[in-house]
């Protein structure tokens, strides 16, 4: 090969390399935001747990309950969601279910958590505290915190989802009250049938162990546990059945809607005055949030 030909080949090689670099830069610089990695922020969720507890016990009918409801609305609207409040009543108690929507389409999936707290710490080891309110860091605030961070991070092109913050879940076995008043009212009002509903409750425990709940829809349950494994969280999403729960998923099941309860019921501070933010872990919140995002991502890809 003579010098001229060699120079030409070298020149073309350099031009080709420059083109590859330019195209690569273009792809990286101008890709759409939805293609960027979605990162759930467990620390942000933990801060949201603390914020809720700082309001005080969120007992229906109290000022703290009103304040947390408005705070949830503000956080959701800041994240680009449309918020509606379903106002109704049961057993003489007002109910305020918070419903977050994005887009006009009916949801294929509903993900929910309760935001109220129990008025009596009747499982406290100290009987003198049985009439005191529960702070509700894990039992209430953890599920709300995960849903709020989920709302911030869910890609806009995902399958249609509603996020529902159920009221008046947690005061059963108290005279004049019952469990699940908010979720019962919500399900009774539905005019469509979602493919599935998922409830998250008490999912912030520092020693997180989420077992398969026996009453949950098995097909949906298996999908979520598979998503947990794909997200690297099979250590906390344990593929063994343990509890049969009465929870906010129950009204959905009774209406014939597949539903799953994601809950760690092995929580020693349940319905005690010790259910405080120091018992909640950012890593636990992160594991649940990443699993839910992975599950909804799989549903979006399979449309």
C-alpha atoms as a PDB file:
ATOM      1  CA  UNK A   1       0.000   0.000   0.000  1.00  0.00           C
ATOM      2  CA  UNK A   2       1.447   3.364  -0.975  1.00  0.00           C
ATOM      3  CA  UNK A   3       1.578   6.402   1.259  1.00  0.00           C
ATOM      4  CA  UNK A   4      -1.414   8.095  -0.409  1.00  0.00           C
ATOM      5  CA  UNK A   5      -3.687   5.095   0.022  1.00  0.00           C
ATOM      6  CA  UNK A   6      -2.504   4.628   3.598  1.00  0.00           C
ATOM      7  CA  UNK A   7      -3.279   8.259   4.377  1.00  0.00           C
ATOM      8  CA  UNK A   8      -6.734   7.900   2.828  1.00  0.00           C
ATOM      9  CA  UNK A   9      -7.539   4.824   4.910  1.00  0.00           C
ATOM     10  CA  UNK A  10      -6.339   6.559   8.061  1.00  0.00           C
ATOM     11  CA  UNK A  11      -8.373   9.627   7.236  1.00  0.00           C
ATOM     12  CA  UNK A  12     -11.542   7.561   6.690  1.00  0.00           C
ATOM     13  CA  UNK A  13     -10.954   5.652   9.914  1.00  0.00           C
ATOM     14  CA  UNK A  14     -10.672   8.907  11.850  1.00  0.00           C
ATOM     15  CA  UNK A  15     -13.847  10.249  10.230  1.00  0.00           C
ATOM     16  CA  UNK A  16     -15.661   7.003  11.085  1.00  0.00           C
ATOM     17  CA  UNK A  17     -14.527   7.194  14.693  1.00  0.00           C
ATOM     18  CA  UNK A  18     -15.697  10.794  14.960  1.00  0.00           C
ATOM     19  CA  UNK A  19     -19.111   9.807  13.567  1.00  0.00           C
ATOM     20  CA  UNK A  20     -19.458   7.005  16.106  1.00  0.00           C
ATOM     21  CA  UNK A  21     -18.580   9.411  18.941  1.00  0.00           C
ATOM     22  CA  UNK A  22     -21.037  12.050  17.688  1.00  0.00           C
ATOM     23  CA  UNK A  23     -23.895   9.561  17.288  1.00  0.00           C
ATOM     24  CA  UNK A  24     -23.230   8.120  20.729  1.00  0.00           C
ATOM     25  CA  UNK A  25     -23.189  11.581  22.276  1.00  0.00           C
ATOM     26  CA  UNK A  26     -26.444  12.444  20.520  1.00  0.00           C
ATOM     27  CA  UNK A  27     -28.197   9.345  21.799  1.00  0.00           C
ATOM     28  CA  UNK A  28     -27.076   9.927  25.391  1.00  0.00           C
ATOM     29  CA  UNK A  29     -27.775  13.665  25.357  1.00  0.00           C
ATOM     30  CA  UNK A  30     -31.165  13.650  23.677  1.00  0.00           C
ATOM     31  CA  UNK A  31     -32.809  10.474  24.915  1.00  0.00           C
ATOM     32  CA  UNK A  32     -36.225  11.007  26.495  1.00  0.00           C
ATOM     33  CA  UNK A  33     -36.526  11.441  30.280  1.00  0.00           C
ATOM     34  CA  UNK A  34     -38.595   8.262  30.545  1.00  0.00           C
ATOM     35  CA  UNK A  35     -35.602   6.220  29.413  1.00  0.00           C
ATOM     36  CA  UNK A  36     -33.540   7.399  32.384  1.00  0.00           C
ATOM     37  CA  UNK A  37     -33.198   4.943  35.267  1.00  0.00           C
ATOM     38  CA  UNK A  38     -35.960   5.225  37.863  1.00  0.00           C
ATOM     39  CA  UNK A  39     -34.486   5.412  41.357  1.00  0.00           C
ATOM     40  CA  UNK A  40     -36.696   5.099  44.410  1.00  0.00           C
ATOM     41  CA  UNK A  41     -35.359   7.221  47.289  1.00  0.00           C
ATOM     42  CA  UNK A  42     -35.750   5.370  50.565  1.00  0.00           C
ATOM     43  CA  UNK A  43     -34.260   8.271  52.518  1.00  0.00           C
ATOM     44  CA  UNK A  44     -36.872  10.638  51.092  1.00  0.00           C
ATOM     45  CA  UNK A  45     -39.566   8.159  52.074  1.00  0.00           C
ATOM     46  CA  UNK A  46     -38.155   7.933  55.592  1.00  0.00           C
ATOM     47  CA  UNK A  47     -38.274  11.726  55.859  1.00  0.00           C
ATOM     48  CA  UNK A  48     -41.944  11.520  54.873  1.00  0.00           C
ATOM     49  CA  UNK A  49     -42.518   9.052  57.720  1.00  0.00           C
ATOM     50  CA  UNK A  50     -41.025  11.554  60.151  1.00  0.00           C
ATOM     51  CA  UNK A  51     -43.143  14.381  58.729  1.00  0.00           C
ATOM     52  CA  UNK A  52     -46.333  12.416  59.305  1.00  0.00           C
ATOM     53  CA  UNK A  53     -45.434  11.494  62.867  1.00  0.00           C
ATOM     54  CA  UNK A  54     -44.538  15.134  63.545  1.00  0.00           C
ATOM     55  CA  UNK A  55     -48.146  16.070  62.749  1.00  0.00           C
ATOM     56  CA  UNK A  56     -49.174  13.958  65.731  1.00  0.00           C
ATOM     57  CA  UNK A  57     -51.480  10.920  65.835  1.00  0.00           C
ATOM     58  CA  UNK A  58     -53.633  11.043  62.679  1.00  0.00           C
ATOM     59  CA  UNK A  59     -56.846   9.988  64.385  1.00  0.00           C
ATOM     60  CA  UNK A  60     -59.990  10.708  62.345  1.00  0.00           C
ATOM     61  CA  UNK A  61     -61.625  13.908  63.487  1.00  0.00           C
ATOM     62  CA  UNK A  62     -58.440  15.530  64.812  1.00  0.00           C
ATOM     63  CA  UNK A  63     -56.473  18.515  63.534  1.00  0.00           C
ATOM     64  CA  UNK A  64     -53.478  16.240  62.800  1.00  0.00           C
ATOM     65  CA  UNK A  65     -55.687  14.097  60.580  1.00  0.00           C
ATOM     66  CA  UNK A  66     -56.785  17.191  58.661  1.00  0.00           C
ATOM     67  CA  UNK A  67     -53.218  18.456  58.305  1.00  0.00           C
ATOM     68  CA  UNK A  68     -51.791  15.170  57.025  1.00  0.00           C
ATOM     69  CA  UNK A  69     -54.579  14.944  54.459  1.00  0.00           C
ATOM     70  CA  UNK A  70     -53.729  18.359  53.044  1.00  0.00           C
ATOM     71  CA  UNK A  71     -50.020  17.552  53.103  1.00  0.00           C
ATOM     72  CA  UNK A  72     -50.600  14.335  51.136  1.00  0.00           C
ATOM     73  CA  UNK A  73     -52.629  16.279  48.581  1.00  0.00           C
ATOM     74  CA  UNK A  74     -49.885  18.889  48.189  1.00  0.00           C
ATOM     75  CA  UNK A  75     -47.157  16.268  47.760  1.00  0.00           C
ATOM     76  CA  UNK A  76     -49.152  14.408  45.118  1.00  0.00           C
ATOM     77  CA  UNK A  77     -50.033  17.534  43.153  1.00  0.00           C
ATOM     78  CA  UNK A  78     -46.379  18.619  43.243  1.00  0.00           C
ATOM     79  CA  UNK A  79     -45.529  15.264  41.672  1.00  0.00           C
ATOM     80  CA  UNK A  80     -47.958  15.904  38.806  1.00  0.00           C
ATOM     81  CA  UNK A  81     -50.968  13.887  39.961  1.00  0.00           C
ATOM     82  CA  UNK A  82     -54.603  14.977  40.003  1.00  0.00           C
ATOM     83  CA  UNK A  83     -56.080  14.527  43.458  1.00  0.00           C
ATOM     84  CA  UNK A  84     -59.676  13.859  44.413  1.00  0.00           C
ATOM     85  CA  UNK A  85     -61.027  13.352  47.914  1.00  0.00           C
ATOM     86  CA  UNK A  86     -63.893  10.909  48.291  1.00  0.00           C
ATOM     87  CA  UNK A  87     -65.883  12.288  51.187  1.00  0.00           C
ATOM     88  CA  UNK A  88     -68.478   9.977  52.708  1.00  0.00           C
ATOM     89  CA  UNK A  89     -69.361   8.497  56.104  1.00  0.00           C
ATOM     90  CA  UNK A  90     -69.798   5.200  57.925  1.00  0.00           C
ATOM     91  CA  UNK A  91     -71.055   4.440  61.428  1.00  0.00           C
ATOM     92  CA  UNK A  92     -71.505   8.187  61.918  1.00  0.00           C
ATOM     93  CA  UNK A  93     -67.852   8.949  61.144  1.00  0.00           C
ATOM     94  CA  UNK A  94     -66.753  11.135  58.227  1.00  0.00           C
ATOM     95  CA  UNK A  95     -64.404   9.428  55.738  1.00  0.00           C
ATOM     96  CA  UNK A  96     -61.898  11.153  53.476  1.00  0.00           C
ATOM     97  CA  UNK A  97     -60.272   8.781  50.989  1.00  0.00           C
ATOM     98  CA  UNK A  98     -57.549  10.485  48.927  1.00  0.00           C
ATOM     99  CA  UNK A  99     -57.400   9.336  45.303  1.00  0.00           C
ATOM    100  CA  UNK A 100     -54.458  10.238  43.054  1.00  0.00           C
ATOM    101  CA  UNK A 101     -54.893   9.937  39.277  1.00  0.00           C
ATOM    102  CA  UNK A 102     -52.731  10.686  36.271  1.00  0.00           C
ATOM    103  CA  UNK A 103     -54.647  10.893  33.024  1.00  0.00           C
ATOM    104  CA  UNK A 104     -58.299  10.265  32.248  1.00  0.00           C
ATOM    105  CA  UNK A 105     -58.107   6.500  31.704  1.00  0.00           C
ATOM    106  CA  UNK A 106     -59.625   4.159  34.259  1.00  0.00           C
ATOM    107  CA  UNK A 107     -56.872   2.492  36.263  1.00  0.00           C
ATOM    108  CA  UNK A 108     -55.812  -1.027  35.485  1.00  0.00           C
ATOM    109  CA  UNK A 109     -54.186  -1.233  38.911  1.00  0.00           C
ATOM    110  CA  UNK A 110     -54.868   0.367  42.290  1.00  0.00           C
ATOM    111  CA  UNK A 111     -52.173   0.660  44.947  1.00  0.00           C
ATOM    112  CA  UNK A 112     -53.268   1.780  48.387  1.00  0.00           C
ATOM    113  CA  UNK A 113     -52.276   2.404  51.992  1.00  0.00           C
ATOM    114  CA  UNK A 114     -54.140   3.785  55.009  1.00  0.00           C
ATOM    115  CA  UNK A 115     -53.130   7.152  56.463  1.00  0.00           C
ATOM    116  CA  UNK A 116     -55.105   7.206  59.707  1.00  0.00           C
ATOM    117  CA  UNK A 117     -53.736   5.947  63.025  1.00  0.00           C
ATOM    118  CA  UNK A 118     -55.218   4.050  65.936  1.00  0.00           C
ATOM    119  CA  UNK A 119     -56.595   6.031  68.852  1.00  0.00           C
ATOM    120  CA  UNK A 120     -55.695   3.434  71.498  1.00  0.00           C
ATOM    121  CA  UNK A 121     -52.372   1.665  72.053  1.00  0.00           C
ATOM    122  CA  UNK A 122     -54.150  -1.397  73.418  1.00  0.00           C
ATOM    123  CA  UNK A 123     -51.286  -3.784  72.652  1.00  0.00           C
ATOM    124  CA  UNK A 124     -48.759  -1.824  74.672  1.00  0.00           C
ATOM    125  CA  UNK A 125     -46.831  -3.836  77.239  1.00  0.00           C
ATOM    126  CA  UNK A 126     -47.671  -1.131  79.786  1.00  0.00           C
ATOM    127  CA  UNK A 127     -51.422  -1.256  80.601  1.00  0.00           C
ATOM    128  CA  UNK A 128     -51.374   2.361  81.753  1.00  0.00           C
ATOM    129  CA  UNK A 129     -50.754   3.361  78.120  1.00  0.00           C
ATOM    130  CA  UNK A 130     -53.661   1.458  76.589  1.00  0.00           C
ATOM    131  CA  UNK A 131     -55.744   4.632  76.262  1.00  0.00           C
ATOM    132  CA  UNK A 132     -52.916   6.626  74.665  1.00  0.00           C
ATOM    133  CA  UNK A 133     -52.791   7.093  70.864  1.00  0.00           C
ATOM    134  CA  UNK A 134     -50.436   5.184  68.573  1.00  0.00           C
ATOM    135  CA  UNK A 135     -47.794   7.369  66.835  1.00  0.00           C
ATOM    136  CA  UNK A 136     -48.193   5.234  63.703  1.00  0.00           C
ATOM    137  CA  UNK A 137     -44.714   5.448  62.164  1.00  0.00           C
ATOM    138  CA  UNK A 138     -44.861   1.967  60.668  1.00  0.00           C
ATOM    139  CA  UNK A 139     -48.601   1.324  60.969  1.00  0.00           C
ATOM    140  CA  UNK A 140     -49.802   4.032  58.652  1.00  0.00           C
ATOM    141  CA  UNK A 141     -46.946   6.387  57.839  1.00  0.00           C
ATOM    142  CA  UNK A 142     -44.668   3.807  56.169  1.00  0.00           C
ATOM    143  CA  UNK A 143     -47.218   2.855  53.524  1.00  0.00           C
ATOM    144  CA  UNK A 144     -48.096   6.490  52.836  1.00  0.00           C
ATOM    145  CA  UNK A 145     -44.412   7.377  52.495  1.00  0.00           C
ATOM    146  CA  UNK A 146     -43.797   4.622  49.951  1.00  0.00           C
ATOM    147  CA  UNK A 147     -46.845   5.652  47.920  1.00  0.00           C
ATOM    148  CA  UNK A 148     -45.726   9.287  47.849  1.00  0.00           C
ATOM    149  CA  UNK A 149     -42.223   8.423  46.653  1.00  0.00           C
ATOM    150  CA  UNK A 150     -43.754   5.965  44.169  1.00  0.00           C
ATOM    151  CA  UNK A 151     -45.877   8.860  42.863  1.00  0.00           C
ATOM    152  CA  UNK A 152     -42.756  10.972  42.355  1.00  0.00           C
ATOM    153  CA  UNK A 153     -40.882   8.252  40.484  1.00  0.00           C
ATOM    154  CA  UNK A 154     -43.491   6.393  38.400  1.00  0.00           C
ATOM    155  CA  UNK A 155     -42.735   7.067  34.691  1.00  0.00           C
ATOM    156  CA  UNK A 156     -45.484   8.966  32.906  1.00  0.00           C
ATOM    157  CA  UNK A 157     -45.824   6.342  30.192  1.00  0.00           C
ATOM    158  CA  UNK A 158     -46.721   3.572  32.624  1.00  0.00           C
ATOM    159  CA  UNK A 159     -49.897   1.523  32.647  1.00  0.00           C
ATOM    160  CA  UNK A 160     -52.783   3.534  34.234  1.00  0.00           C
ATOM    161  CA  UNK A 161     -52.584   3.421  38.046  1.00  0.00           C
ATOM    162  CA  UNK A 162     -54.526   5.043  40.861  1.00  0.00           C
ATOM    163  CA  UNK A 163     -52.938   5.604  44.249  1.00  0.00           C
ATOM    164  CA  UNK A 164     -55.478   5.546  47.075  1.00  0.00           C
ATOM    165  CA  UNK A 165     -54.828   6.696  50.625  1.00  0.00           C
ATOM    166  CA  UNK A 166     -57.533   5.028  52.706  1.00  0.00           C
ATOM    167  CA  UNK A 167     -59.055   6.709  55.727  1.00  0.00           C
ATOM    168  CA  UNK A 168     -60.507   5.137  58.914  1.00  0.00           C
ATOM    169  CA  UNK A 169     -58.819   1.744  58.613  1.00  0.00           C
ATOM    170  CA  UNK A 170     -57.360   1.259  62.055  1.00  0.00           C
ATOM    171  CA  UNK A 171     -59.905   1.668  64.857  1.00  0.00           C
ATOM    172  CA  UNK A 172     -61.705  -1.655  64.964  1.00  0.00           C
ATOM    173  CA  UNK A 173     -62.529  -3.344  68.276  1.00  0.00           C
ATOM    174  CA  UNK A 174     -63.365   0.054  69.697  1.00  0.00           C
ATOM    175  CA  UNK A 175     -66.975   0.859  70.551  1.00  0.00           C
ATOM    176  CA  UNK A 176     -68.691   2.751  67.729  1.00  0.00           C
ATOM    177  CA  UNK A 177     -65.963   1.895  65.206  1.00  0.00           C
ATOM    178  CA  UNK A 178     -64.933  -0.908  62.880  1.00  0.00           C
ATOM    179  CA  UNK A 179     -61.975  -1.828  60.704  1.00  0.00           C
ATOM    180  CA  UNK A 180     -61.610  -0.854  57.018  1.00  0.00           C
ATOM    181  CA  UNK A 181     -64.306   1.809  56.868  1.00  0.00           C
ATOM    182  CA  UNK A 182     -62.477   3.822  54.202  1.00  0.00           C
ATOM    183  CA  UNK A 183     -61.591   0.965  51.872  1.00  0.00           C
ATOM    184  CA  UNK A 184     -65.084  -0.494  52.141  1.00  0.00           C
ATOM    185  CA  UNK A 185     -66.572   2.848  51.091  1.00  0.00           C
ATOM    186  CA  UNK A 186     -64.081   3.172  48.240  1.00  0.00           C
ATOM    187  CA  UNK A 187     -64.753  -0.286  46.804  1.00  0.00           C
ATOM    188  CA  UNK A 188     -68.508   0.211  47.126  1.00  0.00           C
ATOM    189  CA  UNK A 189     -68.213   3.339  44.969  1.00  0.00           C
ATOM    190  CA  UNK A 190     -66.287   1.696  42.098  1.00  0.00           C
ATOM    191  CA  UNK A 191     -67.990   1.757  38.701  1.00  0.00           C
ATOM    192  CA  UNK A 192     -65.242  -0.233  36.963  1.00  0.00           C
ATOM    193  CA  UNK A 193     -63.207  -3.338  37.654  1.00  0.00           C
ATOM    194  CA  UNK A 194     -59.419  -2.918  37.894  1.00  0.00           C
ATOM    195  CA  UNK A 195     -57.201  -5.867  37.041  1.00  0.00           C
ATOM    196  CA  UNK A 196     -55.832  -5.923  40.581  1.00  0.00           C
ATOM    197  CA  UNK A 197     -55.403  -3.936  43.778  1.00  0.00           C
ATOM    198  CA  UNK A 198     -52.358  -3.946  46.044  1.00  0.00           C
ATOM    199  CA  UNK A 199     -52.312  -2.715  49.638  1.00  0.00           C
ATOM    200  CA  UNK A 200     -49.112  -1.915  51.507  1.00  0.00           C
ATOM    201  CA  UNK A 201     -49.253  -1.779  55.290  1.00  0.00           C
ATOM    202  CA  UNK A 202     -46.552  -1.882  57.983  1.00  0.00           C
ATOM    203  CA  UNK A 203     -43.714  -2.219  55.481  1.00  0.00           C
ATOM    204  CA  UNK A 204     -41.038  -0.054  57.118  1.00  0.00           C
ATOM    205  CA  UNK A 205     -39.862  -2.366  59.909  1.00  0.00           C
ATOM    206  CA  UNK A 206     -36.090  -2.257  60.385  1.00  0.00           C
ATOM    207  CA  UNK A 207     -36.185  -6.073  60.418  1.00  0.00           C
ATOM    208  CA  UNK A 208     -38.393  -6.465  57.363  1.00  0.00           C
ATOM    209  CA  UNK A 209     -39.893  -9.877  56.624  1.00  0.00           C
ATOM    210  CA  UNK A 210     -42.817  -9.829  54.200  1.00  0.00           C
ATOM    211  CA  UNK A 211     -44.421 -13.255  53.898  1.00  0.00           C
ATOM    212  CA  UNK A 212     -47.030 -14.317  51.369  1.00  0.00           C
ATOM    213  CA  UNK A 213     -50.425 -13.374  52.810  1.00  0.00           C
ATOM    214  CA  UNK A 214     -52.790 -16.343  52.568  1.00  0.00           C
ATOM    215  CA  UNK A 215     -55.948 -14.494  51.473  1.00  0.00           C
ATOM    216  CA  UNK A 216     -54.240 -12.592  48.647  1.00  0.00           C
ATOM    217  CA  UNK A 217     -54.798 -13.357  44.971  1.00  0.00           C
ATOM    218  CA  UNK A 218     -52.119 -15.929  44.203  1.00  0.00           C
ATOM    219  CA  UNK A 219     -51.425 -14.935  40.593  1.00  0.00           C
ATOM    220  CA  UNK A 220     -50.896 -11.254  41.422  1.00  0.00           C
ATOM    221  CA  UNK A 221     -48.994 -12.173  44.545  1.00  0.00           C
ATOM    222  CA  UNK A 222     -46.591 -14.345  42.544  1.00  0.00           C
ATOM    223  CA  UNK A 223     -46.011 -11.516  40.059  1.00  0.00           C
ATOM    224  CA  UNK A 224     -45.041  -9.115  42.832  1.00  0.00           C
ATOM    225  CA  UNK A 225     -42.726 -11.594  44.549  1.00  0.00           C
ATOM    226  CA  UNK A 226     -41.085 -12.255  41.170  1.00  0.00           C
ATOM    227  CA  UNK A 227     -40.608  -8.492  40.743  1.00  0.00           C
ATOM    228  CA  UNK A 228     -39.059  -8.360  44.216  1.00  0.00           C
ATOM    229  CA  UNK A 229     -36.582 -11.065  43.240  1.00  0.00           C
ATOM    230  CA  UNK A 230     -35.699  -9.213  40.039  1.00  0.00           C
ATOM    231  CA  UNK A 231     -35.130  -6.045  42.068  1.00  0.00           C
ATOM    232  CA  UNK A 232     -32.828  -7.936  44.437  1.00  0.00           C
ATOM    233  CA  UNK A 233     -35.193  -8.072  47.414  1.00  0.00           C
ATOM    234  CA  UNK A 234     -36.018 -11.758  47.773  1.00  0.00           C
ATOM    235  CA  UNK A 235     -34.394 -11.575  51.208  1.00  0.00           C
ATOM    236  CA  UNK A 236     -37.306  -9.501  52.552  1.00  0.00           C
ATOM    237  CA  UNK A 237     -40.083 -10.744  50.227  1.00  0.00           C
ATOM    238  CA  UNK A 238     -40.139 -14.273  51.594  1.00  0.00           C
ATOM    239  CA  UNK A 239     -41.850 -16.860  49.371  1.00  0.00           C
ATOM    240  CA  UNK A 240     -43.633 -18.618  52.228  1.00  0.00           C
ATOM    241  CA  UNK A 241     -47.202 -18.212  53.460  1.00  0.00           C
ATOM    242  CA  UNK A 242     -47.679 -17.128  57.064  1.00  0.00           C
ATOM    243  CA  UNK A 243     -50.649 -14.903  57.949  1.00  0.00           C
ATOM    244  CA  UNK A 244     -54.279 -14.468  56.935  1.00  0.00           C
ATOM    245  CA  UNK A 245     -54.997 -10.759  57.265  1.00  0.00           C
ATOM    246  CA  UNK A 246     -58.097  -8.603  57.506  1.00  0.00           C
ATOM    247  CA  UNK A 247     -56.790  -5.471  55.802  1.00  0.00           C
ATOM    248  CA  UNK A 248     -57.708  -2.912  53.156  1.00  0.00           C
ATOM    249  CA  UNK A 249     -57.347  -5.569  50.441  1.00  0.00           C
ATOM    250  CA  UNK A 250     -60.296  -7.488  51.941  1.00  0.00           C
ATOM    251  CA  UNK A 251     -63.118  -5.335  50.464  1.00  0.00           C
ATOM    252  CA  UNK A 252     -61.565  -5.757  47.002  1.00  0.00           C
ATOM    253  CA  UNK A 253     -61.470  -9.534  47.399  1.00  0.00           C
ATOM    254  CA  UNK A 254     -65.069  -9.535  48.613  1.00  0.00           C
ATOM    255  CA  UNK A 255     -66.032  -7.608  45.451  1.00  0.00           C
ATOM    256  CA  UNK A 256     -64.309 -10.217  43.266  1.00  0.00           C
ATOM    257  CA  UNK A 257     -61.310  -8.014  42.443  1.00  0.00           C
ATOM    258  CA  UNK A 258     -57.878  -9.695  42.682  1.00  0.00           C
ATOM    259  CA  UNK A 259     -56.030  -8.091  45.574  1.00  0.00           C
ATOM    260  CA  UNK A 260     -52.792  -8.523  47.497  1.00  0.00           C
ATOM    261  CA  UNK A 261     -51.750  -7.436  50.980  1.00  0.00           C
ATOM    262  CA  UNK A 262     -48.049  -6.596  51.331  1.00  0.00           C
ATOM    263  CA  UNK A 263     -47.507  -6.543  55.081  1.00  0.00           C
ATOM    264  CA  UNK A 264     -44.932  -7.457  57.712  1.00  0.00           C
ATOM    265  CA  UNK A 265     -47.081  -8.470  60.664  1.00  0.00           C
ATOM    266  CA  UNK A 266     -44.086  -9.599  62.706  1.00  0.00           C
ATOM    267  CA  UNK A 267     -43.816  -6.139  64.235  1.00  0.00           C
ATOM    268  CA  UNK A 268     -43.519  -6.045  68.030  1.00  0.00           C
ATOM    269  CA  UNK A 269     -44.606  -2.389  68.260  1.00  0.00           C
ATOM    270  CA  UNK A 270     -47.978  -2.881  66.542  1.00  0.00           C
ATOM    271  CA  UNK A 271     -50.664  -0.794  68.268  1.00  0.00           C
ATOM    272  CA  UNK A 272     -48.255   0.426  70.942  1.00  0.00           C
ATOM    273  CA  UNK A 273     -46.856   3.807  71.906  1.00  0.00           C
ATOM    274  CA  UNK A 274     -43.468   2.564  70.637  1.00  0.00           C
ATOM    275  CA  UNK A 275     -44.461   2.646  66.939  1.00  0.00           C
ATOM    276  CA  UNK A 276     -42.060   5.528  66.312  1.00  0.00           C
ATOM    277  CA  UNK A 277     -39.770   6.557  63.398  1.00  0.00           C
ATOM    278  CA  UNK A 278     -36.675   4.955  64.944  1.00  0.00           C
ATOM    279  CA  UNK A 279     -38.326   1.577  64.260  1.00  0.00           C
ATOM    280  CA  UNK A 280     -38.531   2.343  60.523  1.00  0.00           C
ATOM    281  CA  UNK A 281     -35.757   1.781  57.979  1.00  0.00           C
ATOM    282  CA  UNK A 282     -35.050   3.621  54.733  1.00  0.00           C
ATOM    283  CA  UNK A 283     -33.760   0.332  53.298  1.00  0.00           C
ATOM    284  CA  UNK A 284     -37.075  -1.391  54.014  1.00  0.00           C
ATOM    285  CA  UNK A 285     -39.051   1.422  52.399  1.00  0.00           C
ATOM    286  CA  UNK A 286     -36.684   1.279  49.428  1.00  0.00           C
ATOM    287  CA  UNK A 287     -37.142  -2.468  48.978  1.00  0.00           C
ATOM    288  CA  UNK A 288     -40.925  -2.156  48.841  1.00  0.00           C
ATOM    289  CA  UNK A 289     -40.876   0.919  46.604  1.00  0.00           C
ATOM    290  CA  UNK A 290     -38.440  -0.622  44.123  1.00  0.00           C
ATOM    291  CA  UNK A 291     -40.501  -3.811  44.017  1.00  0.00           C
ATOM    292  CA  UNK A 292     -43.707  -1.930  43.223  1.00  0.00           C
ATOM    293  CA  UNK A 293     -41.974   0.091  40.504  1.00  0.00           C
ATOM    294  CA  UNK A 294     -40.540  -3.107  39.006  1.00  0.00           C
ATOM    295  CA  UNK A 295     -43.974  -4.784  39.067  1.00  0.00           C
ATOM    296  CA  UNK A 296     -45.739  -1.854  37.373  1.00  0.00           C
ATOM    297  CA  UNK A 297     -42.892  -1.643  34.853  1.00  0.00           C
ATOM    298  CA  UNK A 298     -43.530  -5.275  33.903  1.00  0.00           C
ATOM    299  CA  UNK A 299     -47.206  -4.490  33.408  1.00  0.00           C
ATOM    300  CA  UNK A 300     -46.383  -1.471  31.257  1.00  0.00           C
ATOM    301  CA  UNK A 301     -44.040  -3.500  29.036  1.00  0.00           C
ATOM    302  CA  UNK A 302     -46.610  -6.282  28.535  1.00  0.00           C
ATOM    303  CA  UNK A 303     -49.401  -3.997  27.311  1.00  0.00           C
END
